[in-house]
Protein backbone atom coordinates (compact mmCIF):
# COMPACT_ATOMS: atom_id res chain seq x y z
CA MET A 1 43.09 -19.89 37.49
CA GLU A 2 44.39 -22.59 35.11
CA ALA A 3 40.88 -24.00 34.67
CA LEU A 4 39.66 -20.54 33.72
CA ARG A 5 42.34 -20.26 31.03
CA GLY A 6 41.31 -23.58 29.52
CA GLY A 7 37.71 -22.49 29.61
CA ALA A 8 38.54 -19.18 27.96
CA ALA A 9 40.55 -20.86 25.20
CA ALA A 10 37.70 -23.26 24.47
CA PHE A 11 35.24 -20.38 24.46
CA LEU A 12 37.35 -18.42 21.98
CA GLU A 13 37.73 -21.47 19.74
CA ARG A 14 33.99 -22.02 19.46
CA THR A 15 32.91 -18.37 19.47
CA THR A 16 33.95 -15.84 16.86
CA VAL A 17 34.45 -12.12 17.34
CA ARG A 18 31.82 -11.74 14.65
CA GLU A 19 29.32 -13.49 16.92
CA LEU A 20 30.44 -11.63 20.02
CA LEU A 21 30.05 -8.23 18.38
CA ASP A 22 26.99 -9.20 16.33
CA ILE A 23 28.63 -8.22 13.04
CA GLY A 24 26.11 -8.78 10.29
CA PRO A 25 26.77 -10.93 7.22
CA GLY A 26 26.54 -7.87 4.96
CA VAL A 27 29.55 -6.30 6.65
CA ILE A 28 31.59 -9.48 6.26
CA ASP A 29 30.51 -9.88 2.63
CA ARG A 30 31.57 -6.31 1.88
CA ALA A 31 34.97 -6.85 3.51
CA ARG A 32 35.43 -10.05 1.50
CA LEU A 33 34.63 -8.17 -1.70
CA ILE A 34 37.13 -5.45 -0.83
CA ALA A 35 39.84 -8.01 -0.01
CA HIS A 36 39.26 -9.84 -3.28
CA GLN A 37 39.29 -6.63 -5.32
CA LEU A 38 42.55 -5.58 -3.69
CA TYR A 39 44.03 -9.00 -4.48
CA ARG A 40 42.91 -8.89 -8.11
CA THR A 41 44.39 -5.42 -8.61
CA GLY A 42 47.73 -6.46 -7.11
CA ARG A 43 47.40 -4.45 -3.91
CA LEU A 44 48.58 -7.44 -1.94
CA ALA A 45 49.72 -5.75 1.27
CA GLU A 46 46.32 -4.09 1.64
CA ALA A 47 44.47 -7.28 0.76
CA GLU A 48 46.48 -9.11 3.40
CA VAL A 49 45.48 -6.59 6.07
CA VAL A 50 41.80 -7.03 5.22
CA CYS A 51 42.18 -10.82 5.29
CA ARG A 52 43.81 -10.67 8.70
CA GLY A 53 40.88 -8.61 9.91
CA LEU A 54 38.40 -11.08 8.47
CA ILE A 55 40.21 -13.97 10.14
CA ALA A 56 40.16 -12.08 13.41
CA CYS A 57 36.40 -11.62 13.02
CA ASP A 58 35.70 -15.22 12.04
CA HIS A 59 38.59 -17.64 12.43
CA ARG A 60 36.47 -20.50 11.04
CA ASP A 61 35.91 -19.10 7.53
CA ALA A 62 37.80 -21.25 5.02
CA TRP A 63 37.28 -18.78 2.16
CA THR A 64 39.32 -16.12 3.94
CA TYR A 65 42.16 -18.56 4.59
CA SER A 66 42.08 -19.42 0.89
CA LEU A 67 42.40 -15.79 -0.19
CA HIS A 68 45.05 -15.07 2.42
CA ALA A 69 47.05 -18.08 1.21
CA ALA A 70 46.72 -16.90 -2.41
CA ILE A 71 48.04 -13.47 -1.40
CA LEU A 72 51.00 -14.98 0.43
CA ARG A 73 51.74 -17.29 -2.51
CA ARG A 74 51.80 -14.33 -4.92
CA GLN A 75 54.24 -12.62 -2.58
CA GLY A 76 56.49 -15.68 -2.75
CA ARG A 77 55.82 -16.57 0.88
CA ASN A 78 54.95 -20.21 0.25
CA PRO A 79 55.60 -21.59 3.76
CA GLN A 80 53.26 -18.98 5.26
CA ALA A 81 50.70 -19.65 2.51
CA LEU A 82 50.80 -23.35 3.28
CA ALA A 83 50.24 -22.60 6.97
CA GLN A 84 47.11 -20.61 6.10
CA VAL A 85 45.89 -23.44 3.89
CA GLU A 86 46.30 -25.90 6.76
CA ARG A 87 44.42 -23.59 9.14
CA GLY A 88 41.55 -23.28 6.69
CA LEU A 89 41.42 -27.03 6.12
CA ALA A 90 41.23 -27.58 9.87
CA TYR A 91 37.82 -25.87 9.76
CA ASP A 92 36.68 -27.12 6.35
CA PRO A 93 38.56 -30.28 5.28
CA GLY A 94 36.57 -30.58 2.06
CA HIS A 95 37.23 -27.05 0.78
CA ALA A 96 38.23 -27.72 -2.84
CA LYS A 97 40.37 -24.62 -3.40
CA LEU A 98 42.30 -25.12 -0.16
CA ARG A 99 42.95 -28.76 -1.01
CA SER A 100 44.20 -27.80 -4.46
CA MET A 101 46.44 -25.08 -3.03
CA ARG A 102 47.85 -27.50 -0.47
CA ALA A 103 48.91 -29.87 -3.25
CA GLU A 104 50.51 -27.02 -5.24
CA LEU A 105 52.27 -25.51 -2.23
CA ALA A 106 53.50 -28.84 -0.90
CA VAL A 107 55.50 -29.20 -4.11
CA ALA A 108 56.57 -25.54 -4.40
CA THR A 109 57.65 -24.96 -0.80
CA PRO A 110 60.53 -27.50 -0.69
CA VAL A 111 61.75 -26.25 -4.08
CA GLN A 112 61.69 -22.66 -2.85
CA GLN A 113 63.59 -23.61 0.32
CA ALA A 114 66.21 -25.50 -1.71
CA GLN A 115 66.70 -22.51 -4.01
CA ALA A 116 67.17 -20.23 -1.01
CA GLN A 117 69.75 -22.61 0.46
CA ARG A 118 71.66 -22.76 -2.82
CA ALA A 119 71.59 -18.97 -3.10
CA THR A 120 73.20 -18.61 0.31
CA CYS A 121 75.41 -21.72 -0.12
CA ARG A 122 74.16 -22.98 3.25
CA THR A 123 72.85 -26.34 4.28
CA ASP A 124 70.54 -27.36 7.08
CA SER A 125 73.61 -28.32 9.15
CA ASP A 126 75.09 -24.81 8.93
CA PRO A 127 74.62 -22.64 12.02
């Protein structure tokens, strides 16, 4: 049974839902356009839902991770945005926008965490 689990995990890593369900590129392109339009108009919660769906369909698409990270950053959720950047870079290490966002978020995330600590007057050693 354990060998089957390892085989299934490897299968899911190399095969996307998009491939399994034979979702055409036009459908994905349309969903990307919708997600980007929602982002540009400030409908961030809706844009995030579409991005999550796109990632579920094709977990190897760096563009979607980039948009999802941008949404999270605009919501002030820098640690989560950085996590999406890292996921995208795992599939496309040369993706220029993701690399740029990683540099920006790497600086912003510790600052944001320090501000939150000061606001609550807590330190890392506090329970």
